[in-house]
Protein backbone atom coordinates (compact mmCIF):
# COMPACT_ATOMS: atom_id res chain seq x y z
CA MET A 1 54.43 78.69 0.58
CA SER A 2 56.65 80.62 -1.73
CA GLU A 3 57.21 79.83 -5.36
CA LEU A 4 60.84 78.92 -4.62
CA THR A 5 59.72 76.30 -2.12
CA ILE A 6 57.22 74.79 -4.59
CA LEU A 7 59.89 74.67 -7.27
CA SER A 8 62.31 72.97 -4.89
CA ILE A 9 59.71 70.32 -4.03
CA LEU A 10 59.01 69.66 -7.69
CA ILE A 11 62.72 69.29 -8.44
CA LEU A 12 63.10 66.96 -5.47
CA LEU A 13 60.17 64.84 -6.64
CA PHE A 14 61.59 64.67 -10.15
CA ILE A 15 65.00 63.58 -8.85
CA THR A 16 63.32 60.98 -6.64
CA PHE A 17 61.36 59.66 -9.63
CA LEU A 18 64.52 59.35 -11.71
CA PHE A 19 66.27 57.62 -8.82
CA LEU A 20 63.45 55.14 -8.34
CA SER A 21 63.08 54.45 -12.07
CA SER A 22 66.76 53.58 -12.28
CA PHE A 23 66.38 50.50 -10.08
CA ILE A 24 62.68 49.59 -10.39
CA LYS A 25 61.86 47.93 -13.72
CA ILE A 26 58.72 46.25 -15.04
CA LEU A 27 59.23 43.52 -17.63
CA LYS A 28 56.43 42.28 -19.88
CA GLU A 29 55.58 38.61 -20.30
CA TYR A 30 57.72 38.29 -23.44
CA GLU A 31 60.70 40.17 -21.95
CA ARG A 32 63.60 39.10 -19.77
CA GLY A 33 66.26 41.14 -18.03
CA VAL A 34 69.93 40.14 -17.98
CA VAL A 35 71.26 41.56 -14.71
CA PHE A 36 74.92 42.37 -14.06
CA MET A 37 76.36 43.12 -10.63
CA LEU A 38 79.50 45.23 -10.68
CA GLY A 39 80.09 44.19 -14.28
CA ARG A 40 79.69 40.46 -13.69
CA PHE A 41 76.72 38.40 -14.81
CA TYR A 42 74.28 37.93 -11.92
CA ARG A 43 71.08 36.31 -13.21
CA VAL A 44 68.21 36.52 -15.70
CA LYS A 45 65.07 38.09 -14.20
CA GLY A 46 61.50 38.63 -15.27
CA PRO A 47 58.79 38.92 -16.23
CA GLY A 48 57.12 41.30 -13.78
CA LEU A 49 58.63 43.67 -11.24
CA VAL A 50 62.42 43.73 -11.04
CA ILE A 51 64.24 45.71 -8.33
CA LEU A 52 67.91 46.57 -8.86
CA ILE A 53 70.49 47.79 -6.41
CA PRO A 54 71.32 51.35 -7.43
CA PHE A 55 74.83 51.94 -8.83
CA ILE A 56 75.69 48.25 -8.32
CA GLN A 57 73.37 46.38 -10.64
CA THR A 58 72.50 47.07 -14.28
CA MET A 59 70.05 45.33 -16.56
CA THR A 60 69.65 44.75 -20.32
CA ARG A 61 66.22 43.92 -21.73
CA ILE A 62 65.84 40.99 -24.12
CA GLU A 63 62.71 40.20 -26.16
CA LEU A 64 61.75 36.54 -26.46
CA ARG A 65 59.23 36.89 -29.28
CA THR A 66 60.06 35.67 -32.77
CA LEU A 67 61.88 38.34 -34.74
CA VAL A 68 61.56 38.76 -38.52
CA MET A 69 64.58 39.86 -40.54
CA ASP A 70 64.70 40.65 -44.25
CA VAL A 71 67.94 39.50 -45.84
CA PRO A 72 68.95 42.13 -48.43
CA THR A 73 69.25 41.10 -52.07
CA GLN A 74 72.46 39.17 -52.63
CA ASP A 75 74.36 38.66 -55.90
CA VAL A 76 74.77 34.91 -56.31
CA ILE A 77 76.69 33.04 -59.02
CA SER A 78 75.07 29.64 -59.48
CA LYS A 79 76.99 26.42 -60.06
CA ASP A 80 76.29 26.69 -63.82
CA ASN A 81 77.76 30.26 -63.85
CA ILE A 82 74.48 32.18 -64.04
CA SER A 83 74.31 35.52 -62.22
CA THR A 84 71.19 35.87 -60.05
CA LYS A 85 69.86 38.19 -57.37
CA VAL A 86 68.33 36.43 -54.37
CA ASN A 87 66.70 37.75 -51.20
CA ALA A 88 65.19 35.94 -48.25
CA VAL A 89 63.52 36.33 -44.87
CA VAL A 90 64.70 34.79 -41.58
CA TYR A 91 62.58 34.07 -38.49
CA PHE A 92 64.47 33.64 -35.21
CA LYS A 93 64.12 34.16 -31.47
CA VAL A 94 66.23 34.30 -28.32
CA ILE A 95 66.10 31.13 -26.23
CA ASP A 96 69.04 31.92 -23.92
CA PRO A 97 69.16 35.63 -22.93
CA GLU A 98 72.47 35.20 -21.09
CA LYS A 99 74.30 33.95 -24.20
CA ALA A 100 72.61 36.50 -26.47
CA ILE A 101 74.10 39.33 -24.41
CA ILE A 102 77.44 37.90 -23.32
CA GLN A 103 78.55 35.81 -26.32
CA VAL A 104 77.93 38.37 -29.09
CA ALA A 105 77.95 42.16 -29.17
CA ASN A 106 74.77 42.58 -31.24
CA PHE A 107 72.93 39.34 -31.86
CA ILE A 108 70.48 40.86 -34.39
CA GLU A 109 73.19 42.32 -36.59
CA ALA A 110 75.34 39.20 -36.23
CA THR A 111 72.46 36.96 -37.29
CA GLY A 112 71.74 39.17 -40.27
CA GLN A 113 75.34 39.16 -41.50
CA LEU A 114 75.55 35.40 -41.03
CA ALA A 115 72.33 34.92 -43.01
CA GLN A 116 73.73 36.93 -45.95
CA THR A 117 76.97 34.97 -46.20
CA THR A 118 75.21 31.62 -45.74
CA LEU A 119 72.68 32.47 -48.45
CA ARG A 120 75.44 33.24 -50.97
CA SER A 121 77.56 30.20 -50.13
CA VAL A 122 74.72 27.64 -50.11
CA LEU A 123 72.98 28.83 -53.28
CA GLY A 124 76.32 29.08 -55.07
CA GLU A 125 76.61 25.30 -54.77
CA HIS A 126 73.44 24.72 -56.82
CA GLU A 127 72.41 25.24 -60.42
CA LEU A 128 69.70 27.73 -61.39
CA ASP A 129 67.14 25.00 -62.08
CA GLU A 130 67.63 23.69 -58.54
CA MET A 131 67.16 27.18 -57.05
CA LEU A 132 63.83 27.46 -58.86
CA SER A 133 62.51 23.91 -58.41
CA GLN A 134 63.98 22.83 -55.05
CA ARG A 135 63.22 25.88 -52.93
CA GLU A 136 61.79 23.92 -50.00
CA GLN A 137 64.91 21.78 -49.71
CA LEU A 138 67.14 24.86 -49.89
CA ASN A 139 65.07 26.61 -47.21
CA THR A 140 65.48 23.61 -44.91
CA ARG A 141 69.24 23.46 -45.47
CA LEU A 142 69.67 27.19 -44.85
CA ARG A 143 67.67 26.97 -41.63
CA LYS A 144 69.73 24.05 -40.31
CA ILE A 145 73.05 25.79 -41.06
CA LEU A 146 71.99 29.08 -39.46
CA ASP A 147 70.48 27.31 -36.46
CA GLU A 148 73.70 25.38 -35.81
CA GLN A 149 75.91 28.47 -36.10
CA THR A 150 73.72 30.72 -33.92
CA ASP A 151 73.19 28.12 -31.19
CA CYS A 152 76.26 29.37 -29.30
CA TRP A 153 74.63 32.83 -29.21
CA GLY A 154 71.43 31.52 -27.62
CA ILE A 155 69.51 32.06 -30.88
CA LYS A 156 67.01 29.64 -32.40
CA VAL A 157 66.41 30.04 -36.16
CA THR A 158 62.89 28.71 -36.72
CA GLN A 159 62.42 29.32 -40.43
CA VAL A 160 64.17 30.61 -43.56
CA GLU A 161 62.29 31.45 -46.75
CA ILE A 162 63.85 32.38 -50.11
CA LYS A 163 61.61 35.12 -51.45
CA ASP A 164 62.77 35.95 -54.99
CA VAL A 165 65.31 34.61 -57.48
CA ASP A 166 65.78 37.24 -60.18
CA ILE A 167 67.64 36.76 -63.48
CA ASP A 168 68.17 39.09 -66.43
CA GLU A 169 65.79 39.24 -69.40
CA SER A 170 68.04 37.36 -71.84
CA MET A 171 68.29 34.43 -69.47
CA ARG A 172 64.52 34.43 -69.01
CA ARG A 173 64.07 34.12 -72.79
CA ALA A 174 66.59 31.28 -72.89
CA ILE A 175 64.75 29.44 -70.11
CA ALA A 176 61.42 29.95 -71.93
CA LYS A 177 62.89 28.45 -75.11
CA GLN A 178 64.28 25.54 -73.14
CA ALA A 179 60.88 24.90 -71.53
CA GLU A 180 59.17 25.03 -74.95
CA ALA A 181 61.68 22.56 -76.39
CA GLU A 182 61.11 20.25 -73.43
CA ARG A 183 57.34 20.37 -73.99
CA ASP A 184 57.81 19.53 -77.70
CA ARG A 185 60.09 16.63 -76.79
CA ARG A 186 57.54 15.21 -74.37
CA ALA A 187 54.74 15.56 -76.93
CA LYS A 188 56.78 13.67 -79.54
CA VAL A 189 57.65 10.94 -77.06
CA ILE A 190 53.99 10.53 -76.08
CA HIS A 191 52.95 10.43 -79.76
CA ALA A 192 55.63 7.82 -80.53
CA ASP A 193 54.52 5.69 -77.59
CA GLY A 194 50.94 5.87 -78.84
CA GLU A 195 51.98 4.80 -82.33
CA LEU A 196 53.97 1.89 -80.88
CA GLN A 197 51.07 0.69 -78.78
CA ALA A 198 48.64 1.06 -81.69
CA SER A 199 50.91 -0.88 -84.06
CA THR A 200 51.27 -3.66 -81.50
CA LYS A 201 47.53 -3.97 -81.09
CA LEU A 202 46.96 -3.88 -84.87
CA SER A 203 49.55 -6.60 -85.36
CA GLU A 204 47.80 -8.77 -82.78
CA ALA A 205 44.42 -8.12 -84.43
CA ALA A 206 45.82 -8.99 -87.86
CA ASP A 207 47.16 -12.28 -86.54
CA ILE A 208 43.76 -13.16 -85.07
CA LEU A 209 41.90 -12.22 -88.27
CA ALA A 210 44.36 -14.21 -90.40
CA LYS A 211 43.46 -17.36 -88.50
CA SER A 212 39.71 -16.87 -89.17
CA PRO A 213 38.70 -15.98 -92.76
CA GLY A 214 35.12 -15.63 -91.70
CA ALA A 215 36.12 -12.93 -89.23
CA ILE A 216 37.76 -10.99 -92.06
CA GLN A 217 34.56 -11.16 -94.09
CA LEU A 218 32.50 -9.94 -91.13
CA ARG A 219 34.95 -7.07 -90.66
CA TYR A 220 34.54 -6.03 -94.29
CA LEU A 221 30.78 -6.15 -93.99
CA ASP A 222 30.84 -4.11 -90.80
CA THR A 223 33.02 -1.50 -92.48
CA LEU A 224 30.68 -1.44 -95.49
CA SER A 225 27.73 -0.88 -93.19
CA ASN A 226 29.44 2.02 -91.43
CA ILE A 227 30.35 3.92 -94.60
CA SER A 228 27.17 3.21 -96.56
CA SER A 229 25.23 5.79 -94.55
CA ASP A 230 27.15 8.59 -96.22
CA LYS A 231 25.95 8.83 -99.87
CA SER A 232 28.76 11.23 -100.81
CA HIS A 233 31.31 8.40 -100.78
CA THR A 234 32.03 5.98 -103.59
CA ILE A 235 32.62 2.50 -102.22
CA VAL A 236 35.04 0.15 -103.96
CA PHE A 237 34.56 -3.36 -102.65
CA PRO A 238 37.14 -6.07 -103.54
CA ILE A 239 35.72 -8.53 -106.09
CA ASP A 240 37.40 -11.48 -104.44
CA ILE A 241 35.50 -10.85 -101.24
CA LEU A 242 32.23 -10.71 -103.14
CA THR A 243 33.11 -13.95 -104.95
CA LYS A 244 33.86 -15.69 -101.67
CA LEU A 245 30.63 -14.44 -100.15
CA LEU A 246 28.61 -15.56 -103.18
CA ASP A 247 30.30 -18.97 -103.23
CA LYS A 248 29.61 -19.35 -99.54
CA ASN A 249 25.97 -18.37 -99.90
CA THR A 250 25.56 -20.73 -102.91
CA GLY A 251 27.03 -23.59 -101.00
CA GLU A 252 24.74 -23.00 -98.08
CA THR A 253 21.67 -22.83 -100.42
CA SER A 254 22.49 -26.09 -102.16
């Protein structure tokens, strides 16, 4: 067999391989094939072996696994006119391959652009404090809006997460001062509440002691006992209390 014959066989085998590969496809478990016949939608096939009619049918692969998309940093003006930079991540997947191919030219790019505009519009309706403290609620709202708008494309948005909310250094200092002032206010309120409660209890105790002179004398004696253990203190005891105690003791002795 001449070299020319061998070369011709190899070329023929290569052409045959290309011909067969053009209409024999193997789809993985997480893939589907959207098949068109003469330009019209035919059906969704897969997974497994898919055989196409050469020159009549064409197929586009679609992945059904959850896709992860980073939303680039967006400049957002909050409701209280504070400039921030916000980025996020979106998790979505194709649930209807036919719609994902027919209804939109590029469903990944379309979802990304929609996520950017939705992020700016939704966060622009909230103040900075809400962006920082209500992130879970904002994530839920963003997911619902994106899911509703991408439903006609056969896309299911499963989760949206706001990653970072960045502000300039001057605003950070202002927020730190505001937080410090809030802590001072709370401390003063707690201290005032404690003083109010203490004064109320002392007033009640004074009323009870006023109704029982003997209780007042016992209170003085208890106080005297507590401070007498420290010899560094000079104790001044009211003479009227001593007189009353002496008179009481004299009366009891007689």
